[in-house]
């Protein structure tokens, strides 16, 4: 069986029904992903990397990035974002996903993200990454 590989979904079949434009840039935040198990692919700027268990991925502020499960098994990671406060975005995003009609979600998610100085950029990356790595976006069959 072919692995379920979805952009920005390191835990297959778990996640929010994002639209196609989830390549993010954060102008104030820095983040680090520690890969606990499995394997993730990541694009930071115009470079692609693969990280396995015990590896970490540093995503500097102001650089577009995205990540995906690049292996056949579920991948688990711990993401640390600083400075503090962005966790409120994830809480609000979860509430939005639970209550928002799917057709309104992309626009309302973008508005919410802007409130946290978080922007979804490079929608053209989605098609390129899907083709290159055999990925699916969340919500695609």
N, C-alpha and C. Protein backbone atom coordinates (compact mmCIF):
# COMPACT_ATOMS: atom_id res chain seq x y z
N UNK A 1 0.84 -1.19 0.00
CA UNK A 1 0.00 0.00 0.00
C UNK A 1 0.88 1.25 0.00
N UNK A 2 0.57 2.19 -0.84
CA UNK A 2 1.32 3.44 -0.94
C UNK A 2 1.10 4.28 0.32
N UNK A 3 2.16 4.89 0.88
CA UNK A 3 1.98 5.72 2.07
C UNK A 3 1.11 6.93 1.80
N UNK A 4 0.42 7.37 2.82
CA UNK A 4 -0.43 8.56 2.75
C UNK A 4 0.45 9.76 3.05
N UNK A 5 0.84 10.51 2.02
CA UNK A 5 1.75 11.63 2.20
C UNK A 5 1.00 12.92 1.91
N UNK A 6 0.91 13.76 2.89
CA UNK A 6 0.17 15.01 2.75
C UNK A 6 1.02 16.17 3.22
N UNK A 7 1.00 17.25 2.46
CA UNK A 7 1.75 18.44 2.84
C UNK A 7 1.28 18.92 4.20
N UNK A 8 2.23 19.26 5.03
CA UNK A 8 1.96 19.80 6.36
C UNK A 8 1.15 18.85 7.23
N UNK A 9 1.18 17.56 6.96
CA UNK A 9 0.46 16.60 7.77
C UNK A 9 1.40 15.47 8.15
N UNK A 10 2.27 15.69 9.14
CA UNK A 10 3.22 14.65 9.47
C UNK A 10 2.59 13.45 10.14
N UNK A 11 1.36 13.56 10.56
CA UNK A 11 0.63 12.43 11.13
C UNK A 11 -0.48 12.07 10.15
N UNK A 12 -0.25 11.10 9.27
CA UNK A 12 -1.22 10.80 8.21
C UNK A 12 -2.64 10.66 8.75
N UNK A 13 -3.57 11.20 7.98
CA UNK A 13 -5.00 11.18 8.27
C UNK A 13 -5.36 11.95 9.53
N UNK A 14 -4.47 12.81 10.00
CA UNK A 14 -4.76 13.67 11.14
C UNK A 14 -4.43 15.09 10.72
N UNK A 15 -5.31 16.02 10.96
CA UNK A 15 -5.00 17.40 10.64
C UNK A 15 -6.24 18.18 10.28
N UNK A 16 -6.04 19.41 9.93
CA UNK A 16 -7.14 20.29 9.60
C UNK A 16 -7.34 20.35 8.09
N UNK A 17 -8.55 20.63 7.64
CA UNK A 17 -8.82 20.67 6.20
C UNK A 17 -8.33 21.96 5.58
N UNK A 18 -7.02 22.11 5.49
CA UNK A 18 -6.43 23.31 4.92
C UNK A 18 -6.70 23.37 3.42
N UNK A 19 -6.59 24.57 2.87
CA UNK A 19 -6.63 24.73 1.43
C UNK A 19 -5.26 24.49 0.85
N UNK A 20 -5.07 24.82 -0.40
CA UNK A 20 -3.84 24.50 -1.11
C UNK A 20 -2.68 25.41 -0.73
N UNK A 21 -2.93 26.53 -0.11
CA UNK A 21 -1.87 27.51 0.09
C UNK A 21 -1.37 27.51 1.53
N UNK A 22 -0.74 26.43 1.96
CA UNK A 22 -0.31 26.42 3.35
C UNK A 22 1.19 26.47 3.51
N UNK A 23 1.86 27.11 2.60
CA UNK A 23 3.30 27.32 2.72
C UNK A 23 3.46 28.61 3.48
N UNK A 24 4.06 28.54 4.63
CA UNK A 24 3.95 29.62 5.60
C UNK A 24 5.22 30.46 5.68
N UNK A 25 5.01 31.69 6.07
CA UNK A 25 6.11 32.57 6.44
C UNK A 25 5.69 33.32 7.70
N UNK A 26 6.58 33.35 8.65
CA UNK A 26 6.31 34.04 9.92
C UNK A 26 7.40 35.08 10.10
N UNK A 27 7.02 36.34 10.19
CA UNK A 27 8.03 37.38 10.24
C UNK A 27 8.63 37.59 11.63
N UNK A 28 7.94 37.14 12.69
CA UNK A 28 8.45 37.35 14.05
C UNK A 28 8.88 36.08 14.74
N UNK A 29 8.49 34.94 14.22
CA UNK A 29 8.68 33.69 14.93
C UNK A 29 9.81 32.84 14.35
N UNK A 30 10.41 32.06 15.19
CA UNK A 30 11.38 31.05 14.82
C UNK A 30 10.81 29.72 15.30
N UNK A 31 11.03 28.65 14.54
CA UNK A 31 10.56 27.37 15.03
C UNK A 31 11.58 26.28 14.75
N UNK A 32 11.46 25.23 15.55
CA UNK A 32 12.34 24.08 15.43
C UNK A 32 11.48 22.83 15.57
N UNK A 33 11.64 21.90 14.64
CA UNK A 33 10.96 20.62 14.70
C UNK A 33 11.97 19.55 15.09
N UNK A 34 11.69 18.83 16.16
CA UNK A 34 12.48 17.67 16.53
C UNK A 34 11.73 16.44 16.03
N UNK A 35 12.36 15.64 15.19
CA UNK A 35 11.72 14.45 14.64
C UNK A 35 11.87 13.33 15.68
N UNK A 36 10.73 12.87 16.17
CA UNK A 36 10.71 11.83 17.19
C UNK A 36 10.70 10.44 16.57
N UNK A 37 9.93 10.29 15.48
CA UNK A 37 9.88 9.01 14.77
C UNK A 37 9.44 9.28 13.34
N UNK A 38 9.73 8.33 12.47
CA UNK A 38 9.38 8.50 11.08
C UNK A 38 10.36 9.42 10.37
N UNK A 39 9.89 9.97 9.28
CA UNK A 39 10.75 10.80 8.44
C UNK A 39 9.91 11.94 7.86
N UNK A 40 10.43 13.15 7.94
CA UNK A 40 9.72 14.27 7.34
C UNK A 40 10.57 14.89 6.24
N UNK A 41 9.89 15.37 5.23
CA UNK A 41 10.51 16.22 4.22
C UNK A 41 10.16 17.65 4.58
N UNK A 42 11.04 18.55 4.25
CA UNK A 42 10.79 19.95 4.55
C UNK A 42 11.39 20.81 3.45
N UNK A 43 10.68 21.86 3.11
CA UNK A 43 11.23 22.88 2.23
C UNK A 43 11.36 24.15 3.06
N UNK A 44 12.57 24.69 3.05
CA UNK A 44 12.85 25.96 3.71
C UNK A 44 13.49 26.84 2.64
N UNK A 45 12.82 27.94 2.31
CA UNK A 45 13.29 28.74 1.18
C UNK A 45 13.16 27.91 -0.08
N UNK A 46 14.25 27.79 -0.83
CA UNK A 46 14.18 26.99 -2.06
C UNK A 46 14.94 25.68 -1.94
N UNK A 47 15.20 25.21 -0.71
CA UNK A 47 15.92 23.96 -0.49
C UNK A 47 15.02 22.93 0.18
N UNK A 48 15.13 21.69 -0.29
CA UNK A 48 14.38 20.57 0.28
C UNK A 48 15.33 19.69 1.09
N UNK A 49 14.83 19.18 2.22
CA UNK A 49 15.61 18.33 3.11
C UNK A 49 14.75 17.17 3.57
N UNK A 50 15.41 16.13 4.08
CA UNK A 50 14.73 15.01 4.72
C UNK A 50 15.34 14.87 6.11
N UNK A 51 14.50 14.67 7.12
CA UNK A 51 14.97 14.53 8.50
C UNK A 51 14.34 13.30 9.13
N UNK A 52 15.16 12.48 9.76
CA UNK A 52 14.69 11.27 10.42
C UNK A 52 14.75 11.40 11.93
N UNK A 53 14.45 10.31 12.64
CA UNK A 53 14.44 10.33 14.10
C UNK A 53 15.76 10.86 14.67
N UNK A 54 15.64 11.74 15.65
CA UNK A 54 16.80 12.33 16.27
C UNK A 54 17.28 13.60 15.59
N UNK A 55 16.75 13.88 14.42
CA UNK A 55 17.13 15.10 13.69
C UNK A 55 16.26 16.26 14.15
N UNK A 56 16.73 17.44 13.85
CA UNK A 56 15.88 18.60 14.05
C UNK A 56 15.96 19.49 12.83
N UNK A 57 14.91 20.26 12.62
CA UNK A 57 14.80 21.18 11.50
C UNK A 57 14.58 22.57 12.08
N UNK A 58 15.42 23.50 11.74
CA UNK A 58 15.32 24.88 12.19
C UNK A 58 14.70 25.70 11.08
N UNK A 59 13.61 26.41 11.41
CA UNK A 59 12.90 27.24 10.43
C UNK A 59 13.03 28.70 10.87
N UNK A 60 13.95 29.45 10.25
CA UNK A 60 14.18 30.83 10.68
C UNK A 60 13.01 31.75 10.33
N UNK A 61 12.92 32.85 11.05
CA UNK A 61 11.86 33.81 10.75
C UNK A 61 12.07 34.40 9.36
N UNK A 62 10.96 34.70 8.72
CA UNK A 62 10.99 35.37 7.44
C UNK A 62 11.31 34.50 6.24
N UNK A 63 11.48 33.20 6.43
CA UNK A 63 11.79 32.29 5.33
C UNK A 63 10.59 31.36 5.11
N UNK A 64 10.03 31.32 3.89
CA UNK A 64 8.89 30.42 3.64
C UNK A 64 9.28 28.96 3.90
N UNK A 65 8.33 28.20 4.42
CA UNK A 65 8.60 26.80 4.72
C UNK A 65 7.32 25.97 4.68
N UNK A 66 7.50 24.68 4.50
CA UNK A 66 6.42 23.71 4.61
C UNK A 66 7.07 22.37 4.94
N UNK A 67 6.27 21.40 5.39
CA UNK A 67 6.82 20.08 5.67
C UNK A 67 5.76 19.02 5.41
N UNK A 68 6.21 17.77 5.29
CA UNK A 68 5.33 16.66 4.96
C UNK A 68 5.94 15.36 5.47
N UNK A 69 5.12 14.34 5.54
CA UNK A 69 5.60 13.01 5.88
C UNK A 69 6.25 12.43 4.64
N UNK A 70 7.55 12.16 4.69
CA UNK A 70 8.25 11.67 3.50
C UNK A 70 8.53 10.17 3.57
N UNK A 71 8.11 9.51 4.62
CA UNK A 71 8.39 8.09 4.75
C UNK A 71 7.14 7.25 4.71
N UNK A 72 7.32 5.93 4.75
CA UNK A 72 6.17 5.02 4.68
C UNK A 72 5.41 4.88 5.99
N UNK A 73 6.00 5.30 7.10
CA UNK A 73 5.37 5.18 8.41
C UNK A 73 4.91 6.55 8.89
N UNK A 74 3.97 6.60 9.83
CA UNK A 74 3.62 7.88 10.42
C UNK A 74 4.85 8.54 11.04
N UNK A 75 4.93 9.83 10.92
CA UNK A 75 6.03 10.60 11.51
C UNK A 75 5.47 11.42 12.67
N UNK A 76 6.26 11.54 13.71
CA UNK A 76 5.87 12.34 14.87
C UNK A 76 6.98 13.34 15.13
N UNK A 77 6.58 14.55 15.44
CA UNK A 77 7.57 15.57 15.72
C UNK A 77 7.09 16.47 16.82
N UNK A 78 8.03 17.13 17.42
CA UNK A 78 7.76 18.12 18.45
C UNK A 78 8.18 19.46 17.87
N UNK A 79 7.25 20.40 17.81
CA UNK A 79 7.57 21.71 17.28
C UNK A 79 7.64 22.71 18.42
N UNK A 80 8.73 23.45 18.46
CA UNK A 80 8.93 24.51 19.44
C UNK A 80 8.97 25.82 18.67
N UNK A 81 8.12 26.75 19.05
CA UNK A 81 8.03 28.04 18.37
C UNK A 81 8.28 29.13 19.40
N UNK A 82 9.13 30.09 19.05
CA UNK A 82 9.37 31.21 19.95
C UNK A 82 9.48 32.49 19.17
N UNK A 83 9.14 33.62 19.80
CA UNK A 83 8.71 33.76 21.19
C UNK A 83 7.32 33.16 21.40
N UNK A 84 6.95 33.03 22.65
CA UNK A 84 5.68 32.43 23.03
C UNK A 84 4.50 33.26 22.52
N UNK A 85 3.35 32.61 22.43
CA UNK A 85 2.11 33.28 22.06
C UNK A 85 1.46 32.70 20.82
N UNK A 86 2.25 32.06 19.96
CA UNK A 86 1.68 31.52 18.73
C UNK A 86 0.79 30.31 18.99
N UNK A 87 0.92 29.73 20.18
CA UNK A 87 0.04 28.61 20.53
C UNK A 87 -1.42 29.04 20.51
N UNK A 88 -1.68 30.33 20.74
CA UNK A 88 -3.04 30.84 20.68
C UNK A 88 -3.60 30.76 19.26
N UNK A 89 -2.74 30.92 18.27
CA UNK A 89 -3.16 30.76 16.88
C UNK A 89 -3.67 29.35 16.65
N UNK A 90 -2.93 28.35 17.11
CA UNK A 90 -3.34 26.96 16.90
C UNK A 90 -4.67 26.67 17.61
N UNK A 91 -4.86 27.22 18.81
CA UNK A 91 -6.12 27.02 19.53
C UNK A 91 -7.27 27.66 18.74
N UNK A 92 -7.07 28.89 18.27
CA UNK A 92 -8.12 29.57 17.50
C UNK A 92 -8.37 28.86 16.18
N UNK A 93 -7.31 28.33 15.56
CA UNK A 93 -7.46 27.61 14.30
C UNK A 93 -8.28 26.35 14.49
N UNK A 94 -8.05 25.65 15.60
CA UNK A 94 -8.84 24.46 15.89
C UNK A 94 -10.32 24.78 16.07
N UNK A 95 -10.59 25.87 16.76
CA UNK A 95 -11.98 26.29 16.94
C UNK A 95 -12.61 26.68 15.60
N UNK A 96 -11.84 27.38 14.78
CA UNK A 96 -12.33 27.78 13.47
C UNK A 96 -12.63 26.55 12.60
N UNK A 97 -11.72 25.60 12.59
CA UNK A 97 -11.92 24.39 11.79
C UNK A 97 -13.16 23.62 12.22
N UNK A 98 -13.45 23.64 13.51
CA UNK A 98 -14.61 22.90 14.03
C UNK A 98 -15.93 23.59 13.74
N UNK A 99 -15.88 24.91 13.50
CA UNK A 99 -17.14 25.65 13.39
C UNK A 99 -17.38 26.31 12.03
N UNK A 100 -16.38 26.36 11.19
CA UNK A 100 -16.47 27.13 9.95
C UNK A 100 -16.92 26.24 8.79
N UNK A 101 -17.83 26.73 7.95
CA UNK A 101 -18.17 25.97 6.75
C UNK A 101 -16.93 25.80 5.87
N UNK A 102 -16.72 24.62 5.29
CA UNK A 102 -15.50 24.37 4.51
C UNK A 102 -15.22 25.40 3.42
N UNK A 103 -16.27 25.89 2.79
CA UNK A 103 -16.06 26.86 1.69
C UNK A 103 -15.55 28.20 2.20
N UNK A 104 -15.78 28.52 3.46
CA UNK A 104 -15.29 29.78 4.04
C UNK A 104 -13.96 29.64 4.75
N UNK A 105 -13.52 28.40 4.97
CA UNK A 105 -12.35 28.16 5.79
C UNK A 105 -11.07 28.81 5.26
N UNK A 106 -10.71 28.66 3.98
CA UNK A 106 -9.43 29.24 3.54
C UNK A 106 -9.32 30.75 3.79
N UNK A 107 -10.38 31.48 3.50
CA UNK A 107 -10.33 32.93 3.70
C UNK A 107 -10.28 33.29 5.18
N UNK A 108 -11.10 32.61 5.98
CA UNK A 108 -11.12 32.92 7.41
C UNK A 108 -9.82 32.48 8.10
N UNK A 109 -9.24 31.39 7.62
CA UNK A 109 -7.94 30.95 8.15
C UNK A 109 -6.86 31.98 7.82
N UNK A 110 -6.86 32.51 6.61
CA UNK A 110 -5.87 33.52 6.21
C UNK A 110 -6.03 34.79 7.05
N UNK A 111 -7.27 35.18 7.32
CA UNK A 111 -7.51 36.36 8.16
C UNK A 111 -6.98 36.13 9.58
N UNK A 112 -7.29 34.96 10.12
CA UNK A 112 -6.79 34.62 11.45
C UNK A 112 -5.26 34.63 11.46
N UNK A 113 -4.66 34.02 10.46
CA UNK A 113 -3.19 33.96 10.41
C UNK A 113 -2.58 35.35 10.38
N UNK A 114 -3.15 36.25 9.60
CA UNK A 114 -2.63 37.62 9.53
C UNK A 114 -2.65 38.29 10.90
N UNK A 115 -3.66 37.98 11.70
CA UNK A 115 -3.73 38.53 13.06
C UNK A 115 -2.53 38.12 13.90
N UNK A 116 -1.88 37.02 13.52
CA UNK A 116 -0.71 36.52 14.24
C UNK A 116 0.57 36.73 13.43
N UNK A 117 0.51 37.61 12.44
CA UNK A 117 1.67 37.91 11.60
C UNK A 117 2.21 36.65 10.93
N UNK A 118 1.29 35.83 10.46
CA UNK A 118 1.59 34.54 9.82
C UNK A 118 0.93 34.59 8.44
N UNK A 119 1.67 34.25 7.40
CA UNK A 119 1.16 34.40 6.04
C UNK A 119 1.38 33.12 5.26
N UNK A 120 0.42 32.80 4.41
CA UNK A 120 0.53 31.65 3.53
C UNK A 120 0.99 32.16 2.18
N UNK A 121 2.12 31.65 1.70
CA UNK A 121 2.76 32.17 0.50
C UNK A 121 3.11 31.04 -0.46
N UNK A 122 3.55 31.40 -1.63
CA UNK A 122 4.02 30.46 -2.66
C UNK A 122 3.03 29.33 -2.94
N UNK A 123 1.81 29.64 -3.34
CA UNK A 123 0.86 28.56 -3.65
C UNK A 123 1.37 27.66 -4.78
N UNK A 124 2.28 28.18 -5.60
CA UNK A 124 2.81 27.36 -6.70
C UNK A 124 3.66 26.19 -6.17
N UNK A 125 4.17 26.30 -4.95
CA UNK A 125 4.94 25.21 -4.38
C UNK A 125 4.09 23.96 -4.23
N UNK A 126 2.83 24.13 -3.95
CA UNK A 126 1.97 22.97 -3.67
C UNK A 126 1.97 22.01 -4.85
N UNK A 127 1.70 22.51 -6.05
CA UNK A 127 1.67 21.63 -7.22
C UNK A 127 3.03 21.00 -7.48
N UNK A 128 4.09 21.80 -7.34
CA UNK A 128 5.43 21.27 -7.57
C UNK A 128 5.76 20.14 -6.58
N UNK A 129 5.50 20.38 -5.30
CA UNK A 129 5.81 19.36 -4.30
C UNK A 129 4.93 18.13 -4.45
N UNK A 130 3.67 18.34 -4.79
CA UNK A 130 2.77 17.20 -5.01
C UNK A 130 3.31 16.32 -6.12
N UNK A 131 3.74 16.93 -7.22
CA UNK A 131 4.24 16.16 -8.35
C UNK A 131 5.59 15.51 -8.03
N UNK A 132 6.50 16.26 -7.44
CA UNK A 132 7.85 15.75 -7.17
C UNK A 132 7.85 14.61 -6.16
N UNK A 133 7.04 14.73 -5.11
CA UNK A 133 7.11 13.76 -4.01
C UNK A 133 5.86 12.89 -3.87
N UNK A 134 4.91 13.03 -4.78
CA UNK A 134 3.71 12.20 -4.71
C UNK A 134 2.84 12.52 -3.51
N UNK A 135 2.74 13.80 -3.17
CA UNK A 135 2.00 14.23 -1.98
C UNK A 135 0.55 14.55 -2.33
N UNK A 136 -0.26 14.62 -1.30
CA UNK A 136 -1.64 15.09 -1.39
C UNK A 136 -1.80 16.20 -0.38
N UNK A 137 -2.66 17.15 -0.71
CA UNK A 137 -3.03 18.17 0.25
C UNK A 137 -4.12 17.62 1.14
N UNK A 138 -4.20 18.11 2.36
CA UNK A 138 -5.30 17.69 3.22
C UNK A 138 -6.62 18.00 2.53
N UNK A 139 -7.52 17.08 2.61
CA UNK A 139 -8.82 17.24 1.98
C UNK A 139 -8.87 16.64 0.58
N UNK A 140 -7.72 16.29 0.02
CA UNK A 140 -7.70 15.64 -1.30
C UNK A 140 -7.78 14.14 -1.11
N UNK A 141 -8.45 13.50 -2.02
CA UNK A 141 -8.54 12.03 -1.97
C UNK A 141 -7.43 11.41 -2.76
